[in-house]
């Protein structure tokens, strides 16, 4: 008759595994280092863009008053486009910072309102802003129009880079988060802008809708996010 394993030993091993799993899960807070660093870069760029804007505004008006309006032709637009480019770069770092915090630490109504529900969504948002930055950068060179041949080469390189990014977006379209729900985004915006509630609350209804979206992806069904709530409600009614 074989001796049965002691109950204390059978309970010790799962508890040890659970403790190690909890430790591994807590390592997600290391992302806070990246979040703080990226947000500091974003705030620095916003501050530099603001100072650059004030300096450009003062300089342009000073030259306009002292030298006339003709002195600003072809230069003011380029200087202000540089400010726009700096602000867009700050937005990229800001999206990365708040997106990583929402994905790894605590869900935020801000990221839900922006449609950042997964790492794939964050990548697509960042790529979208980068494409805009590429367009603004080309516009700066086009307004200068100093060396047309160099501008043509620059346009070709930007077209290749922008085309690759657009292709990346099209390939990964629809592979984002499972919580692609218009009502969840509207609720997040209401809680954020009307009730000043930063942290996002995930209801059981949101989980059900996410399950429906996941099943729709797995089955290959093509349906929009607005159709999911009606399907869930009809399923509940049939039950």
Protein backbone atom coordinates (compact mmCIF):
# COMPACT_ATOMS: atom_id res chain seq x y z
CA UNK A 1 0.00 0.00 0.00
CA UNK A 2 1.70 3.19 -1.21
CA UNK A 3 1.75 6.05 1.24
CA UNK A 4 -0.30 9.04 0.20
CA UNK A 5 1.52 12.36 -0.04
CA UNK A 6 1.20 14.55 2.97
CA UNK A 7 -1.34 17.34 2.63
CA UNK A 8 1.17 19.87 3.93
CA UNK A 9 3.61 19.09 1.12
CA UNK A 10 0.87 19.26 -1.53
CA UNK A 11 -0.16 22.70 -0.29
CA UNK A 12 3.38 24.04 0.05
CA UNK A 13 4.32 23.59 -3.60
CA UNK A 14 1.35 25.50 -5.09
CA UNK A 15 1.77 28.28 -2.56
CA UNK A 16 5.44 28.57 -3.51
CA UNK A 17 4.51 28.76 -7.17
CA UNK A 18 1.83 31.34 -6.45
CA UNK A 19 4.34 33.45 -4.51
CA UNK A 20 6.84 33.32 -7.38
CA UNK A 21 4.13 34.16 -9.89
CA UNK A 22 3.10 37.15 -7.81
CA UNK A 23 6.72 38.34 -7.67
CA UNK A 24 7.03 37.99 -11.45
CA UNK A 25 3.77 39.88 -11.91
CA UNK A 26 4.94 42.69 -9.64
CA UNK A 27 7.92 43.27 -11.91
CA UNK A 28 5.53 45.17 -14.19
CA UNK A 29 6.10 48.19 -11.97
CA UNK A 30 9.58 48.49 -13.48
CA UNK A 31 7.75 50.12 -16.40
CA UNK A 32 7.32 53.15 -14.13
CA UNK A 33 10.98 53.98 -14.82
CA UNK A 34 10.28 54.21 -18.54
CA UNK A 35 7.02 56.09 -17.92
CA UNK A 36 8.71 58.76 -15.80
CA UNK A 37 11.62 59.11 -18.23
CA UNK A 38 9.39 59.40 -21.31
CA UNK A 39 7.04 61.88 -19.62
CA UNK A 40 10.00 64.02 -18.56
CA UNK A 41 11.14 64.09 -22.19
CA UNK A 42 7.60 65.01 -23.25
CA UNK A 43 7.33 67.83 -20.70
CA UNK A 44 10.76 69.11 -21.75
CA UNK A 45 9.71 69.21 -25.39
CA UNK A 46 6.46 70.97 -24.52
CA UNK A 47 8.38 73.55 -22.50
CA UNK A 48 10.99 74.03 -25.24
CA UNK A 49 8.24 74.37 -27.84
CA UNK A 50 6.50 76.98 -25.71
CA UNK A 51 9.72 78.98 -25.24
CA UNK A 52 10.48 78.65 -28.95
CA UNK A 53 6.98 79.87 -29.78
CA UNK A 54 7.31 82.91 -27.51
CA UNK A 55 10.75 83.70 -28.94
CA UNK A 56 9.52 83.32 -32.52
CA UNK A 57 6.43 85.44 -31.93
CA UNK A 58 8.48 88.20 -30.31
CA UNK A 59 11.14 88.10 -33.02
CA UNK A 60 8.66 88.10 -35.88
CA UNK A 61 6.69 91.04 -34.52
CA UNK A 62 9.88 92.93 -33.69
CA UNK A 63 11.17 92.50 -37.24
CA UNK A 64 7.75 93.38 -38.66
CA UNK A 65 7.59 96.64 -36.71
CA UNK A 66 11.20 97.67 -37.33
CA UNK A 67 11.78 96.36 -40.87
CA UNK A 68 8.30 95.99 -42.32
CA UNK A 69 6.09 93.09 -43.33
CA UNK A 70 8.30 92.24 -46.32
CA UNK A 71 11.07 91.07 -43.99
CA UNK A 72 8.93 88.14 -42.84
CA UNK A 73 8.20 86.59 -46.20
CA UNK A 74 9.27 82.95 -46.39
CA UNK A 75 10.76 82.79 -42.90
CA UNK A 76 7.88 83.05 -40.44
CA UNK A 77 6.10 79.99 -41.81
CA UNK A 78 9.22 77.84 -41.45
CA UNK A 79 9.85 78.98 -37.89
CA UNK A 80 6.28 78.29 -36.83
CA UNK A 81 6.34 74.90 -38.56
CA UNK A 82 9.36 74.02 -36.43
CA UNK A 83 7.25 74.79 -33.36
CA UNK A 84 4.49 72.48 -34.63
CA UNK A 85 7.05 69.74 -35.25
CA UNK A 86 8.41 70.10 -31.70
CA UNK A 87 4.93 69.92 -30.18
CA UNK A 88 4.08 66.82 -32.22
CA UNK A 89 7.25 65.12 -31.02
CA UNK A 90 6.21 65.95 -27.46
CA UNK A 91 2.81 64.37 -28.15
CA UNK A 92 4.52 61.16 -29.33
CA UNK A 93 6.47 60.83 -26.08
CA UNK A 94 3.37 61.73 -24.05
CA UNK A 95 1.28 59.04 -25.75
CA UNK A 96 4.00 56.47 -25.10
CA UNK A 97 4.26 57.46 -21.43
CA UNK A 98 0.56 57.44 -20.56
CA UNK A 99 -0.03 54.41 -22.77
CA UNK A 100 2.59 52.32 -20.99
CA UNK A 101 1.24 53.41 -17.61
CA UNK A 102 -2.32 52.47 -18.57
CA UNK A 103 -1.29 49.13 -20.05
CA UNK A 104 1.03 47.97 -17.27
CA UNK A 105 0.05 49.83 -14.09
CA UNK A 106 -3.54 51.14 -13.94
CA UNK A 107 -6.12 51.65 -16.73
CA UNK A 108 -6.83 55.31 -17.39
CA UNK A 109 -9.91 56.99 -18.81
CA UNK A 110 -7.55 59.15 -20.88
CA UNK A 111 -6.12 56.26 -22.87
CA UNK A 112 -9.54 54.68 -23.30
CA UNK A 113 -10.91 57.96 -24.64
CA UNK A 114 -7.98 58.09 -27.07
CA UNK A 115 -8.59 54.50 -28.18
CA UNK A 116 -5.38 53.06 -26.71
CA UNK A 117 -6.52 49.73 -25.31
CA UNK A 118 -3.55 47.52 -26.15
CA UNK A 119 0.08 47.72 -27.18
CA UNK A 120 -0.96 47.41 -30.82
CA UNK A 121 -3.29 50.42 -30.42
CA UNK A 122 -0.44 52.40 -28.88
CA UNK A 123 1.83 51.53 -31.79
CA UNK A 124 -0.77 52.66 -34.32
CA UNK A 125 -1.39 55.96 -32.53
CA UNK A 126 2.34 56.69 -32.36
CA UNK A 127 2.80 55.76 -36.03
CA UNK A 128 -0.05 58.12 -36.97
CA UNK A 129 1.62 61.04 -35.22
CA UNK A 130 4.99 60.15 -36.76
CA UNK A 131 3.43 60.29 -40.23
CA UNK A 132 2.13 63.78 -39.45
CA UNK A 133 5.61 64.80 -38.25
CA UNK A 134 7.09 63.56 -41.52
CA UNK A 135 4.57 65.66 -43.44
CA UNK A 136 5.32 68.78 -41.39
CA UNK A 137 9.07 68.24 -41.79
CA UNK A 138 8.73 68.01 -45.57
CA UNK A 139 6.57 71.13 -45.56
CA UNK A 140 9.39 73.01 -43.79
CA UNK A 141 11.87 72.04 -46.54
CA UNK A 142 9.30 72.79 -49.24
CA UNK A 143 8.66 76.31 -47.91
CA UNK A 144 12.39 77.04 -47.74
CA UNK A 145 12.92 75.83 -51.35
CA UNK A 146 16.65 76.43 -51.16
CA UNK A 147 17.85 73.39 -53.12
CA UNK A 148 15.11 71.90 -55.31
CA UNK A 149 17.08 68.73 -56.08
CA UNK A 150 17.75 68.06 -52.40
CA UNK A 151 14.09 68.74 -51.68
CA UNK A 152 13.16 66.14 -54.31
CA UNK A 153 15.48 63.56 -52.73
CA UNK A 154 14.08 64.43 -49.32
CA UNK A 155 10.52 63.99 -50.59
CA UNK A 156 11.41 60.58 -52.03
CA UNK A 157 12.92 59.36 -48.77
CA UNK A 158 9.93 60.63 -46.79
CA UNK A 159 7.57 58.96 -49.25
CA UNK A 160 9.32 55.62 -48.72
CA UNK A 161 9.30 55.99 -44.95
CA UNK A 162 5.70 57.22 -44.84
CA UNK A 163 4.55 54.50 -47.22
CA UNK A 164 6.14 51.84 -45.04
CA UNK A 165 4.41 53.24 -41.96
CA UNK A 166 1.04 53.41 -43.73
CA UNK A 167 1.50 49.81 -44.89
CA UNK A 168 2.28 48.82 -41.30
CA UNK A 169 -0.95 50.44 -40.14
CA UNK A 170 -3.02 48.68 -42.78
CA UNK A 171 -1.51 45.30 -41.99
CA UNK A 172 -2.14 45.67 -38.26
CA UNK A 173 -5.56 47.28 -38.60
CA UNK A 174 -8.13 45.39 -36.56
CA UNK A 175 -5.50 43.58 -34.49
CA UNK A 176 -5.66 46.01 -31.59
CA UNK A 177 -7.39 45.72 -28.25
CA UNK A 178 -10.48 43.63 -27.64
CA UNK A 179 -12.26 46.51 -25.91
CA UNK A 180 -13.02 48.37 -29.14
CA UNK A 181 -16.37 49.72 -27.94
CA UNK A 182 -17.74 53.18 -28.73
CA UNK A 183 -19.84 53.27 -25.56
CA UNK A 184 -16.79 52.48 -23.40
CA UNK A 185 -14.87 55.36 -24.99
CA UNK A 186 -17.79 57.74 -24.50
CA UNK A 187 -18.14 56.70 -20.87
CA UNK A 188 -14.41 57.22 -20.35
CA UNK A 189 -14.61 60.71 -21.86
CA UNK A 190 -17.59 61.57 -19.67
CA UNK A 191 -15.88 60.37 -16.51
CA UNK A 192 -12.66 62.14 -17.46
CA UNK A 193 -13.91 65.52 -18.64
CA UNK A 194 -17.14 65.90 -16.65
CA UNK A 195 -16.40 64.07 -13.40
CA UNK A 196 -12.59 64.47 -13.30
CA UNK A 197 -12.15 60.73 -12.75
CA UNK A 198 -8.76 59.68 -14.10
CA UNK A 199 -8.74 55.96 -13.31
CA UNK A 200 -10.79 53.76 -15.56
CA UNK A 201 -13.39 51.36 -14.18
CA UNK A 202 -13.87 48.09 -16.07
CA UNK A 203 -17.39 46.68 -15.73
CA UNK A 204 -18.51 43.10 -16.26
CA UNK A 205 -20.42 44.32 -19.29
CA UNK A 206 -17.16 45.53 -20.83
CA UNK A 207 -15.65 42.09 -20.29
CA UNK A 208 -18.62 40.45 -22.02
CA UNK A 209 -18.28 42.79 -24.98
CA UNK A 210 -14.55 42.07 -25.14
CA UNK A 211 -15.28 38.34 -25.20
CA UNK A 212 -17.74 38.86 -28.04
CA UNK A 213 -15.13 40.87 -29.98
CA UNK A 214 -12.50 38.19 -29.40
CA UNK A 215 -14.85 35.45 -30.62
CA UNK A 216 -15.71 37.55 -33.67
CA UNK A 217 -12.01 37.90 -34.51
CA UNK A 218 -11.37 34.20 -34.06
CA UNK A 219 -14.31 33.23 -36.23
CA UNK A 220 -13.32 35.75 -38.89
CA UNK A 221 -16.64 37.57 -38.73
CA UNK A 222 -16.58 41.11 -40.06
CA UNK A 223 -18.66 43.29 -37.80
CA UNK A 224 -18.22 46.78 -36.46
CA UNK A 225 -17.92 47.67 -32.78
CA UNK A 226 -21.41 49.20 -32.78
CA UNK A 227 -22.97 45.84 -33.61
CA UNK A 228 -21.50 44.11 -30.60
CA UNK A 229 -23.68 45.66 -27.89
CA UNK A 230 -26.89 44.78 -29.73
CA UNK A 231 -25.73 41.22 -30.16
CA UNK A 232 -24.89 40.89 -26.49
CA UNK A 233 -28.22 42.39 -25.45
CA UNK A 234 -30.10 40.08 -27.79
CA UNK A 235 -28.20 37.13 -26.35
CA UNK A 236 -29.19 38.18 -22.85
CA UNK A 237 -32.78 38.56 -23.91
CA UNK A 238 -32.85 35.08 -25.41
CA UNK A 239 -31.48 33.65 -22.21
